[in-house]
Protein backbone atom coordinates (compact mmCIF):
# COMPACT_ATOMS: atom_id res chain seq x y z
CA MET A 1 -7.22 9.01 -8.51
CA LEU A 2 -3.77 7.49 -7.94
CA ALA A 3 -2.39 7.74 -11.46
CA ASN A 4 1.18 9.08 -11.27
CA LYS A 5 0.73 9.73 -7.55
CA ASN A 6 2.89 8.71 -4.58
CA LEU A 7 1.19 7.08 -1.58
CA LEU A 8 2.65 5.97 1.75
CA ILE A 9 1.08 3.54 4.25
CA THR A 10 2.34 3.59 7.85
CA GLY A 11 2.02 0.16 9.42
CA GLY A 12 1.98 -1.13 5.87
CA THR A 13 3.04 -4.66 6.84
CA GLY A 14 -0.04 -5.17 9.04
CA SER A 15 -3.21 -6.97 8.00
CA LEU A 16 -4.97 -3.91 6.61
CA GLY A 17 -1.77 -2.44 5.19
CA LYS A 18 -1.17 -5.61 3.17
CA ALA A 19 -4.78 -5.68 2.00
CA LEU A 20 -4.51 -2.02 0.95
CA THR A 21 -1.30 -2.77 -0.93
CA LYS A 22 -2.89 -5.65 -2.84
CA HIS A 23 -5.96 -3.55 -3.69
CA ILE A 24 -4.00 -0.50 -4.81
CA LEU A 25 -1.57 -2.42 -6.99
CA GLU A 26 -4.42 -4.31 -8.65
CA LYS A 27 -6.77 -1.37 -9.13
CA TYR A 28 -4.24 1.41 -9.70
CA PRO A 29 -1.26 -0.16 -11.54
CA GLU A 30 -0.40 3.31 -12.84
CA ILE A 31 0.47 4.53 -9.33
CA LYS A 32 3.94 6.07 -9.41
CA ARG A 33 5.17 4.99 -5.98
CA LEU A 34 3.72 3.01 -3.08
CA VAL A 35 5.80 3.22 0.10
CA ILE A 36 5.40 0.63 2.87
CA PHE A 37 6.54 2.29 6.10
CA SER A 38 6.89 0.12 9.22
CA ARG A 39 9.36 -0.79 11.94
CA ASP A 40 9.34 -4.59 11.56
CA GLU A 41 12.18 -5.59 9.24
CA GLN A 42 11.17 -9.27 9.18
CA LYS A 43 7.66 -8.44 8.01
CA GLN A 44 9.07 -6.09 5.40
CA PHE A 45 11.45 -8.80 4.21
CA GLU A 46 8.58 -11.28 3.91
CA MET A 47 6.32 -8.78 2.14
CA ALA A 48 9.12 -7.92 -0.29
CA GLN A 49 9.14 -11.57 -1.37
CA GLU A 50 5.46 -11.22 -2.31
CA TYR A 51 6.15 -8.01 -4.25
CA PRO A 52 9.57 -8.36 -5.93
CA SER A 53 10.93 -5.14 -7.39
CA ASP A 54 11.27 -6.56 -10.91
CA LYS A 55 7.51 -7.22 -11.03
CA TYR A 56 6.36 -4.31 -8.86
CA PRO A 57 8.75 -1.41 -9.54
CA GLN A 58 6.27 1.02 -7.90
CA ILE A 59 6.66 -0.41 -4.41
CA ARG A 60 9.25 0.75 -1.85
CA PHE A 61 9.96 -0.57 1.64
CA PHE A 62 10.98 2.01 4.23
CA ILE A 63 12.00 1.00 7.77
CA GLY A 64 10.89 3.57 10.33
CA ASP A 65 8.86 4.27 13.45
CA VAL A 66 6.06 6.83 13.76
CA ARG A 67 7.72 7.90 17.02
CA ASP A 68 10.61 9.27 14.94
CA GLU A 69 9.47 12.55 13.35
CA ALA A 70 12.74 13.08 11.47
CA ARG A 71 12.42 9.68 9.82
CA LEU A 72 8.82 10.45 8.86
CA LYS A 73 9.84 13.73 7.26
CA ARG A 74 12.46 11.90 5.20
CA ALA A 75 9.94 9.22 4.17
CA PHE A 76 7.29 11.80 3.21
CA LYS A 77 9.49 13.57 0.65
CA GLY A 78 7.55 13.67 -2.61
CA ILE A 79 4.53 11.81 -1.18
CA ASN A 80 1.01 12.94 -2.17
CA TYR A 81 -1.21 10.76 0.04
CA VAL A 82 -0.73 9.12 3.46
CA ILE A 83 -2.74 6.31 5.02
CA HIS A 84 -1.89 6.03 8.72
CA ALA A 85 -2.45 2.43 9.83
CA ALA A 86 0.39 2.07 12.36
CA ALA A 87 -0.70 1.58 15.96
CA MET A 88 -0.12 -0.32 19.16
CA LYS A 89 -3.49 -2.04 19.36
CA HIS A 90 -3.53 -5.01 21.76
CA VAL A 91 -5.66 -4.00 24.73
CA PRO A 92 -3.99 -6.05 27.53
CA ILE A 93 -0.47 -5.17 26.31
CA ALA A 94 -1.38 -1.48 26.25
CA GLU A 95 -2.78 -1.72 29.78
CA TYR A 96 0.50 -3.26 30.98
CA ASN A 97 2.75 -0.89 29.00
CA PRO A 98 0.78 2.37 29.00
CA MET A 99 3.46 4.88 28.01
CA GLU A 100 4.54 2.76 25.05
CA CYS A 101 0.96 2.92 23.78
CA VAL A 102 0.83 6.69 24.35
CA LYS A 103 4.13 7.24 22.53
CA THR A 104 3.01 5.29 19.46
CA ASN A 105 -0.67 6.15 19.20
CA ILE A 106 -0.70 9.79 20.38
CA MET A 107 2.79 11.15 19.90
CA GLY A 108 3.08 9.14 16.71
CA ALA A 109 -0.12 10.76 15.42
CA GLU A 110 1.25 14.22 16.18
CA ASN A 111 4.48 13.33 14.37
CA ILE A 112 2.50 12.20 11.33
CA ILE A 113 0.55 15.47 11.29
CA ASN A 114 3.66 17.66 11.58
CA ALA A 115 5.51 15.70 8.92
CA CYS A 116 2.52 15.89 6.56
CA LEU A 117 2.17 19.65 7.04
CA ASP A 118 5.86 20.11 6.22
CA ALA A 119 5.67 17.95 3.08
CA GLU A 120 3.51 18.24 -0.03
CA ILE A 121 0.86 15.82 1.25
CA THR A 122 -2.68 16.60 0.06
CA ARG A 123 -4.72 13.80 1.68
CA VAL A 124 -4.30 11.97 4.97
CA VAL A 125 -6.57 9.17 6.19
CA ALA A 126 -5.99 7.88 9.74
CA LEU A 127 -7.39 4.57 10.94
CA SER A 128 -9.36 4.54 14.18
CA THR A 129 -11.27 1.88 16.12
CA ASP A 130 -14.66 1.37 17.75
CA LYS A 131 -12.78 1.36 21.06
CA ALA A 132 -12.18 5.11 20.62
CA ALA A 133 -15.88 5.83 21.25
CA ALA A 134 -16.49 6.28 25.02
CA PRO A 135 -13.20 4.45 25.76
CA ILE A 136 -12.67 2.43 28.92
CA ASN A 137 -9.20 1.10 28.04
CA LEU A 138 -5.95 2.88 27.31
CA TYR A 139 -5.83 1.75 23.69
CA GLY A 140 -9.26 3.29 23.04
CA ALA A 141 -8.29 6.46 24.92
CA THR A 142 -5.13 6.90 22.86
CA LYS A 143 -7.02 6.35 19.62
CA LEU A 144 -9.64 8.89 20.69
CA ALA A 145 -6.82 11.38 21.30
CA SER A 146 -5.36 10.46 17.91
CA ASP A 147 -8.74 11.05 16.23
CA LYS A 148 -9.00 14.46 17.88
CA LEU A 149 -5.51 15.38 16.69
CA PHE A 150 -6.22 14.45 13.08
CA VAL A 151 -9.59 16.22 13.04
CA ALA A 152 -8.14 19.38 14.62
CA ALA A 153 -5.16 19.34 12.24
CA ASN A 154 -7.47 20.76 9.57
CA ASN A 155 -7.62 23.98 11.60
CA ILE A 156 -3.90 24.71 11.17
CA THR A 157 -3.36 23.97 7.49
CA GLY A 158 -3.48 27.63 6.41
CA VAL A 159 -3.22 27.83 2.60
CA ASN A 160 -1.96 24.24 2.47
CA PRO A 161 -4.55 22.16 0.51
CA ILE A 162 -4.06 19.13 2.77
CA LYS A 163 -7.15 17.37 4.17
CA PHE A 164 -7.07 15.12 7.24
CA SER A 165 -9.86 12.59 7.89
CA VAL A 166 -10.45 9.47 10.00
CA VAL A 167 -12.10 6.08 9.42
CA ARG A 168 -13.50 4.23 12.44
CA TYR A 169 -14.68 0.65 12.27
CA GLY A 170 -15.02 -2.55 14.29
CA ASN A 171 -13.21 -5.89 14.37
CA VAL A 172 -11.63 -6.72 11.03
CA MET A 173 -12.40 -10.35 10.27
CA GLY A 174 -9.21 -12.39 10.27
CA SER A 175 -6.85 -9.58 11.28
CA ASN A 176 -3.80 -10.39 13.39
CA GLY A 177 -4.71 -10.93 17.03
CA SER A 178 -8.49 -10.99 16.48
CA VAL A 179 -10.88 -13.58 17.89
CA ILE A 180 -11.55 -15.67 14.78
CA PRO A 181 -7.91 -16.67 14.08
CA PHE A 182 -7.54 -17.27 17.83
CA PHE A 183 -10.54 -19.61 17.91
CA LEU A 184 -9.39 -21.42 14.75
CA LYS A 185 -6.09 -22.24 16.49
CA LYS A 186 -7.75 -23.19 19.78
CA LYS A 187 -10.23 -25.50 18.02
CA ASN A 188 -7.57 -28.23 17.89
CA ASP A 189 -7.42 -28.14 21.70
CA GLY A 190 -11.15 -28.77 21.94
CA VAL A 191 -11.67 -25.68 24.12
CA LEU A 192 -12.83 -22.20 23.05
CA PRO A 193 -12.67 -19.79 26.00
CA ILE A 194 -15.59 -17.34 26.14
CA THR A 195 -14.92 -14.04 27.89
CA ASP A 196 -18.62 -13.28 28.49
CA PRO A 197 -21.66 -14.96 26.89
CA GLU A 198 -23.31 -11.56 26.33
CA MET A 199 -20.34 -10.08 24.46
CA THR A 200 -20.89 -8.67 20.96
CA ARG A 201 -18.66 -7.04 18.38
CA PHE A 202 -18.99 -5.24 15.06
CA ASN A 203 -17.70 -7.19 12.06
CA ILE A 204 -16.07 -5.94 8.86
CA SER A 205 -14.02 -7.79 6.26
CA LEU A 206 -10.54 -6.68 5.27
CA GLN A 207 -11.93 -5.64 1.88
CA GLY A 208 -14.65 -3.64 3.62
CA GLY A 209 -11.97 -1.81 5.58
CA VAL A 210 -9.98 -1.19 2.40
CA ASP A 211 -13.05 0.15 0.58
CA MET A 212 -13.78 2.54 3.41
CA VAL A 213 -10.23 3.90 3.50
CA MET A 214 -10.29 4.46 -0.27
CA HIS A 215 -13.69 6.19 0.03
CA ALA A 216 -12.28 8.60 2.61
CA LEU A 217 -9.14 9.17 0.56
CA GLU A 218 -11.21 10.18 -2.44
CA ASN A 219 -14.19 11.94 -0.85
CA ALA A 220 -13.16 13.55 2.46
CA TRP A 221 -13.56 17.31 2.76
CA GLY A 222 -11.45 17.45 5.93
CA GLY A 223 -12.25 16.60 9.55
CA GLU A 224 -14.78 13.81 9.05
CA ILE A 225 -14.80 10.57 11.06
CA PHE A 226 -16.31 7.97 8.74
CA VAL A 227 -18.19 5.04 10.30
CA PRO A 228 -19.44 2.05 8.25
CA LYS A 229 -22.85 0.43 8.56
CA ILE A 230 -21.82 -3.13 9.36
CA PRO A 231 -23.34 -6.15 11.14
CA SER A 232 -22.59 -7.40 14.65
CA TYR A 233 -21.95 -10.88 15.94
CA LYS A 234 -22.22 -12.59 19.31
CA ILE A 235 -19.00 -14.08 20.61
CA THR A 236 -20.93 -17.27 21.43
CA ASP A 237 -22.05 -17.52 17.80
CA VAL A 238 -18.44 -17.22 16.60
CA ALA A 239 -17.49 -20.08 18.93
CA GLU A 240 -20.43 -22.17 17.71
CA ALA A 241 -19.58 -21.47 14.08
CA ILE A 242 -15.96 -22.58 14.51
CA GLY A 243 -16.16 -25.39 17.06
CA PRO A 244 -19.69 -26.64 17.78
CA GLU A 245 -18.21 -29.72 19.47
CA CYS A 246 -15.74 -27.75 21.62
CA GLU A 247 -16.07 -26.95 25.28
CA LYS A 248 -16.83 -23.26 25.82
CA PRO A 249 -15.92 -22.25 29.37
CA VAL A 250 -16.61 -18.68 30.47
CA VAL A 251 -13.28 -17.19 31.60
CA GLY A 252 -14.24 -13.54 32.23
CA ILE A 253 -13.44 -10.36 30.33
CA ARG A 254 -9.87 -9.16 29.98
CA PRO A 255 -8.65 -5.86 31.46
CA GLY A 256 -10.08 -2.93 29.52
CA GLU A 257 -12.70 -4.91 27.55
CA LYS A 258 -16.32 -3.90 27.00
CA ILE A 259 -19.29 -6.21 26.65
CA HIS A 260 -20.50 -4.19 23.64
CA GLU A 261 -18.53 -1.81 21.45
CA GLU A 262 -19.70 1.62 20.28
CA MET A 263 -18.81 3.57 17.17
CA ILE A 264 -21.14 6.54 17.61
CA THR A 265 -22.16 7.75 21.09
CA ASP A 266 -25.28 9.77 21.86
CA SER A 267 -23.03 12.78 22.39
CA ASP A 268 -21.69 12.33 18.83
CA SER A 269 -25.23 12.33 17.43
CA TYR A 270 -25.42 16.12 17.27
CA TYR A 271 -22.63 16.12 14.66
CA THR A 272 -23.49 12.85 12.89
CA TYR A 273 -24.92 12.50 9.38
CA ASP A 274 -26.16 9.48 7.45
CA LEU A 275 -24.45 9.24 4.05
CA GLY A 276 -26.16 6.02 2.94
CA LYS A 277 -23.42 3.40 3.08
CA TYR A 278 -21.61 5.23 5.90
CA TYR A 279 -22.23 7.56 8.80
CA THR A 280 -19.91 10.49 9.33
CA ILE A 281 -19.20 12.46 12.49
CA LEU A 282 -18.43 15.99 11.36
CA PRO A 283 -16.05 18.36 13.17
CA ALA A 284 -17.53 21.13 15.29
CA THR A 285 -15.58 23.65 13.21
CA HIS A 286 -14.67 23.26 9.55
CA LYS A 287 -13.48 25.33 6.60
CA TRP A 288 -16.24 24.27 4.24
CA LYS A 289 -19.96 25.11 4.22
CA LEU A 290 -22.21 22.53 5.88
CA ASP A 291 -25.04 23.12 3.39
CA ASP A 292 -22.67 22.38 0.50
CA PHE A 293 -21.57 19.15 2.19
CA ILE A 294 -25.20 18.09 2.76
CA ASP A 295 -26.09 18.80 -0.87
CA LYS A 296 -23.04 17.02 -2.25
CA PHE A 297 -23.55 13.77 -0.33
CA ASN A 298 -27.32 13.91 0.26
CA ALA A 299 -26.41 13.80 3.95
CA LYS A 300 -29.19 13.39 6.50
CA LYS A 301 -28.71 14.36 10.13
CA VAL A 302 -29.41 11.57 12.61
CA THR A 303 -31.85 12.12 15.45
CA PRO A 304 -30.49 13.64 18.69
CA GLY A 305 -29.45 10.87 21.08
CA PHE A 306 -28.77 8.39 18.28
CA GLN A 307 -26.09 5.86 19.12
CA TYR A 308 -24.53 3.01 17.19
CA ASN A 309 -23.30 0.07 19.25
CA SER A 310 -22.76 -3.63 18.59
CA GLY A 311 -25.31 -4.80 21.17
CA GLU A 312 -28.25 -2.82 19.71
CA ASN A 313 -27.43 -3.23 16.04
CA GLU A 314 -30.19 -3.96 13.52
CA GLU A 315 -28.04 -6.34 11.45
CA TRP A 316 -26.52 -9.57 12.80
CA GLU A 317 -24.32 -12.36 11.48
CA SER A 318 -25.84 -15.81 12.08
CA VAL A 319 -23.79 -18.89 12.88
CA GLU A 320 -24.11 -20.05 9.27
CA ASP A 321 -23.25 -16.57 7.96
CA LEU A 322 -20.09 -16.62 10.06
CA ARG A 323 -19.05 -20.02 8.70
CA VAL A 324 -19.40 -18.78 5.12
CA LEU A 325 -17.49 -15.57 5.89
CA ILE A 326 -14.68 -17.42 7.71
CA LYS A 327 -14.19 -19.70 4.72
CA LYS A 328 -14.28 -16.74 2.31
CA HIS A 329 -12.19 -14.18 4.21
CA VAL A 330 -10.06 -16.03 6.77
CA ASP A 331 -9.36 -19.68 5.96
CA SER A 332 -10.37 -21.26 2.65
CA THR A 333 -9.78 -24.74 4.14
CA PHE A 334 -12.17 -24.13 7.04
CA LYS A 335 -14.64 -26.97 7.66
CA VAL A 336 -17.08 -27.68 10.47
């Protein structure tokens, strides 16, 4: 799929961007060019040490901000595929600095779309979040707006063969700023603060996120929001898995947090199809024939009113499961 192709990742120095880079270079060594686009020069410098140009001549590092449409247009010259992973994602920081979040997550998305339409891009996959479904915080609201922009962008492509799609998933295990690395650091203090004992979250590994992005890149018809079938965990079980001997005071939820996260709401159910490994929320309007899509992917429509949330999930990570996963995906030296 990527042989002799040029691919760009916005936010490429983030957790998922780095995992995508590793995967692509290992699985598709014949890729012509892989561009890491981000605004953090220190992270780019550090990543460049991992991928020196003499060993990885395909890789390029490009400083830029998704808020800067002119810079995006320059970066997209000659690019075939774009994976949009850049975002302002920390919920409390977004609540305190709302317009900064809007500028990056909404205006940045619009800049990506315009730059892609003006270049020779053929596939665009944008990363979303479970917080975009029925959002109660600004981060989720901006990502919902971003999702809408990318889905609707398929309506204005004209004869351009470009396809825009979205992947939406839950907490990525071990990603920067997530609860597991936070608890691993706090373990040494002997105290693991619990926001709410009823809180649950979806759980996906970095590789699971990478696999889903690559699936969308290869299989999207345009306008889909892909949602993985993944397990949930209880925040109390994460704390028990990491520090069974630690104190676990309840400190209350942070501004903009939910007790349970959703990825598909009951309102989404009327456009949602089961693809086997994934669900997909289809756009209300699309250029392709629905019957052809159903036949191609053996898609089965979910029942009206169906919803997919972390508190009512059918699959759960146990305390022991979490310990195994933490050692495998987050910290190989982890011991209880």
